[in-house]
Amino acid sequence: MTKIDRFILLIQLKIIGAIKDFLTDENGDTNFVAMIIIIGIVIALAALFLAFGEKIMNTVSKSVEEWLDKILPK
């Protein structure tokens, strides 16, 4: 085997290893997907609050007032 043949074989092995690493490496992909899901949930909650915000606030306020009336003596 000549030096050129060894050099070509070494390069081929490095390329094959790099391709395998590229195809199997998932570094950072999971965090990206999780962030997209969290952003989607936040947008959905914001849309719900914009659509039903006043009704939600009135219901929460009424519940808190009833709870406080039960706990705090008059």
Protein backbone atom coordinates (compact mmCIF):
# COMPACT_ATOMS: atom_id res chain seq x y z
CA MET A 1 0.00 0.00 0.00
CA THR A 2 1.42 3.33 -0.98
CA LYS A 3 1.25 6.53 1.01
CA ILE A 4 -1.43 7.90 -1.31
CA ASP A 5 -3.59 4.79 -0.83
CA ARG A 6 -3.27 5.07 2.95
CA PHE A 7 -4.08 8.76 2.81
CA ILE A 8 -7.20 8.14 0.69
CA LEU A 9 -8.31 5.33 3.01
CA LEU A 10 -7.81 7.55 6.06
CA ILE A 11 -9.86 10.34 4.48
CA GLN A 12 -12.64 7.90 3.57
CA LEU A 13 -12.76 6.60 7.14
CA LYS A 14 -12.88 10.14 8.51
CA ILE A 15 -15.72 11.07 6.15
CA ILE A 16 -17.69 7.95 7.06
CA GLY A 17 -17.18 8.67 10.77
CA ALA A 18 -18.25 12.29 10.32
CA ILE A 19 -21.40 11.26 8.48
CA LYS A 20 -22.29 8.73 11.19
CA ASP A 21 -21.72 11.34 13.90
CA PHE A 22 -23.85 13.88 12.02
CA LEU A 23 -26.73 11.44 11.59
CA THR A 24 -26.71 10.20 15.19
CA ASP A 25 -25.84 13.39 17.10
CA GLU A 26 -28.95 15.04 18.60
CA ASN A 27 -27.25 17.66 20.72
CA GLY A 28 -29.59 20.61 21.23
CA ASP A 29 -32.56 19.27 19.26
CA THR A 30 -34.53 18.27 22.35
CA ASN A 31 -34.21 21.71 23.92
CA PHE A 32 -35.36 23.36 20.71
CA VAL A 33 -38.48 21.21 20.49
CA ALA A 34 -39.27 21.82 24.17
CA MET A 35 -38.98 25.59 23.69
CA ILE A 36 -41.31 25.48 20.66
CA ILE A 37 -43.89 23.53 22.70
CA ILE A 38 -43.65 25.98 25.63
CA ILE A 39 -44.02 28.97 23.30
CA GLY A 40 -47.10 27.33 21.75
CA ILE A 41 -48.67 26.81 25.18
CA VAL A 42 -47.98 30.41 26.19
CA ILE A 43 -49.54 31.71 22.96
CA ALA A 44 -52.61 29.51 23.47
CA LEU A 45 -53.03 30.76 27.06
CA ALA A 46 -52.65 34.37 25.91
CA ALA A 47 -55.30 33.85 23.23
CA LEU A 48 -57.68 32.31 25.77
CA PHE A 49 -57.08 35.18 28.18
CA LEU A 50 -57.74 37.73 25.44
CA ALA A 51 -60.96 35.98 24.47
CA PHE A 52 -62.27 35.25 27.98
CA GLY A 53 -60.18 37.60 30.13
CA GLU A 54 -62.97 39.64 31.69
CA LYS A 55 -65.07 36.57 32.46
CA ILE A 56 -62.06 34.79 33.99
CA MET A 57 -61.16 37.81 36.13
CA ASN A 58 -64.73 38.19 37.39
CA THR A 59 -64.93 34.50 38.30
CA VAL A 60 -61.56 34.55 40.07
CA SER A 61 -62.41 37.76 41.89
CA LYS A 62 -65.74 36.35 43.07
CA SER A 63 -64.06 33.12 44.24
CA VAL A 64 -61.38 35.03 46.15
CA GLU A 65 -63.97 37.27 47.81
CA GLU A 66 -66.01 34.24 48.90
CA TRP A 67 -62.90 32.54 50.23
CA LEU A 68 -61.83 35.66 52.14
CA ASP A 69 -65.33 36.05 53.59
CA LYS A 70 -65.11 32.49 54.96
CA ILE A 71 -61.63 32.94 56.44
CA LEU A 72 -61.64 36.49 57.77
CA PRO A 73 -63.96 37.26 60.66
CA LYS A 74 -66.30 40.19 60.23
